[in-house]
Amino acid sequence: MAEQDLAQHRLVCEARYWLRRGYNTPNKFSELCELLNRRSAVSLEQLIEEMRRQWKRRSAW
């Protein structure tokens, strides 16, 4: 598996992990951002976008 594919796979898995733990409302989302505040803004934004994509596809997982 290519390094880029592996990074994308990890991102998908992490997004699903947080969604399964209930971080899917505005209040919980704010909590998650505070919890992950040590990350770079770019990294956090990538996770947020992936969470949005995975939320739309949640019936597939």
C-alpha atoms as a PDB file:
ATOM      1  CA  MET A   1       0.000   0.000   0.000  1.00  0.00           C
ATOM      2  CA  ALA A   2       1.416   3.383  -0.958  1.00  0.00           C
ATOM      3  CA  GLU A   3       2.226   5.848   1.806  1.00  0.00           C
ATOM      4  CA  GLN A   4      -0.482   8.261   0.642  1.00  0.00           C
ATOM      5  CA  ASP A   5      -3.064   5.461   0.590  1.00  0.00           C
ATOM      6  CA  LEU A   6      -2.044   4.437   4.090  1.00  0.00           C
ATOM      7  CA  ALA A   7      -2.363   8.014   5.371  1.00  0.00           C
ATOM      8  CA  GLN A   8      -5.846   8.276   3.829  1.00  0.00           C
ATOM      9  CA  HIS A   9      -6.852   4.955   5.372  1.00  0.00           C
ATOM     10  CA  ARG A  10      -5.705   6.137   8.815  1.00  0.00           C
ATOM     11  CA  LEU A  11      -7.670   9.368   8.353  1.00  0.00           C
ATOM     12  CA  VAL A  12     -10.828   7.441   7.427  1.00  0.00           C
ATOM     13  CA  CYS A  13     -10.427   5.138  10.425  1.00  0.00           C
ATOM     14  CA  GLU A  14      -9.904   8.041  12.800  1.00  0.00           C
ATOM     15  CA  ALA A  15     -12.910   9.930  11.434  1.00  0.00           C
ATOM     16  CA  ARG A  16     -15.119   6.872  11.935  1.00  0.00           C
ATOM     17  CA  TYR A  17     -13.668   6.357  15.429  1.00  0.00           C
ATOM     18  CA  TRP A  18     -14.703   9.830  16.576  1.00  0.00           C
ATOM     19  CA  LEU A  19     -18.103   9.605  14.893  1.00  0.00           C
ATOM     20  CA  ARG A  20     -18.842   6.273  16.567  1.00  0.00           C
ATOM     21  CA  ARG A  21     -18.068   7.871  19.921  1.00  0.00           C
ATOM     22  CA  GLY A  22     -20.793  10.450  19.400  1.00  0.00           C
ATOM     23  CA  TYR A  23     -18.823  13.431  18.155  1.00  0.00           C
ATOM     24  CA  ASN A  24     -21.493  14.359  15.638  1.00  0.00           C
ATOM     25  CA  THR A  25     -23.304  17.338  17.163  1.00  0.00           C
ATOM     26  CA  PRO A  26     -22.100  20.955  17.290  1.00  0.00           C
ATOM     27  CA  ASN A  27     -21.439  20.793  21.049  1.00  0.00           C
ATOM     28  CA  LYS A  28     -19.567  17.496  20.870  1.00  0.00           C
ATOM     29  CA  PHE A  29     -17.702  18.744  17.836  1.00  0.00           C
ATOM     30  CA  SER A  30     -16.450  21.740  19.827  1.00  0.00           C
ATOM     31  CA  GLU A  31     -15.322  19.348  22.555  1.00  0.00           C
ATOM     32  CA  LEU A  32     -13.406  17.316  19.994  1.00  0.00           C
ATOM     33  CA  CYS A  33     -11.662  20.401  18.634  1.00  0.00           C
ATOM     34  CA  GLU A  34     -10.581  21.314  22.166  1.00  0.00           C
ATOM     35  CA  LEU A  35      -9.435  17.757  22.774  1.00  0.00           C
ATOM     36  CA  LEU A  36      -7.339  17.769  19.608  1.00  0.00           C
ATOM     37  CA  ASN A  37      -6.034  21.329  20.001  1.00  0.00           C
ATOM     38  CA  ARG A  38      -2.419  20.109  19.911  1.00  0.00           C
ATOM     39  CA  ARG A  39      -2.759  19.307  16.225  1.00  0.00           C
ATOM     40  CA  SER A  40      -1.957  21.697  13.465  1.00  0.00           C
ATOM     41  CA  ALA A  41      -4.839  23.609  11.932  1.00  0.00           C
ATOM     42  CA  VAL A  42      -4.333  21.790   8.625  1.00  0.00           C
ATOM     43  CA  SER A  43      -4.427  18.368  10.270  1.00  0.00           C
ATOM     44  CA  LEU A  44      -7.567  19.223  12.229  1.00  0.00           C
ATOM     45  CA  GLU A  45      -9.279  20.581   9.117  1.00  0.00           C
ATOM     46  CA  GLN A  46      -8.457  17.380   7.209  1.00  0.00           C
ATOM     47  CA  LEU A  47     -10.012  15.318   9.997  1.00  0.00           C
ATOM     48  CA  ILE A  48     -13.114  17.521  10.053  1.00  0.00           C
ATOM     49  CA  GLU A  49     -13.580  17.196   6.298  1.00  0.00           C
ATOM     50  CA  GLU A  50     -13.123  13.436   6.457  1.00  0.00           C
ATOM     51  CA  MET A  51     -15.650  13.207   9.299  1.00  0.00           C
ATOM     52  CA  ARG A  52     -18.150  15.049   7.109  1.00  0.00           C
ATOM     53  CA  ARG A  53     -17.500  12.664   4.215  1.00  0.00           C
ATOM     54  CA  GLN A  54     -17.796   9.620   6.448  1.00  0.00           C
ATOM     55  CA  TRP A  55     -21.007  10.910   8.058  1.00  0.00           C
ATOM     56  CA  LYS A  56     -22.614  10.966   4.633  1.00  0.00           C
ATOM     57  CA  ARG A  57     -21.443   7.370   4.011  1.00  0.00           C
ATOM     58  CA  ARG A  58     -22.177   5.978   7.495  1.00  0.00           C
ATOM     59  CA  SER A  59     -24.713   3.453   6.241  1.00  0.00           C
ATOM     60  CA  ALA A  60     -21.890   1.758   4.309  1.00  0.00           C
ATOM     61  CA  TRP A  61     -19.839   1.015   7.408  1.00  0.00           C
END
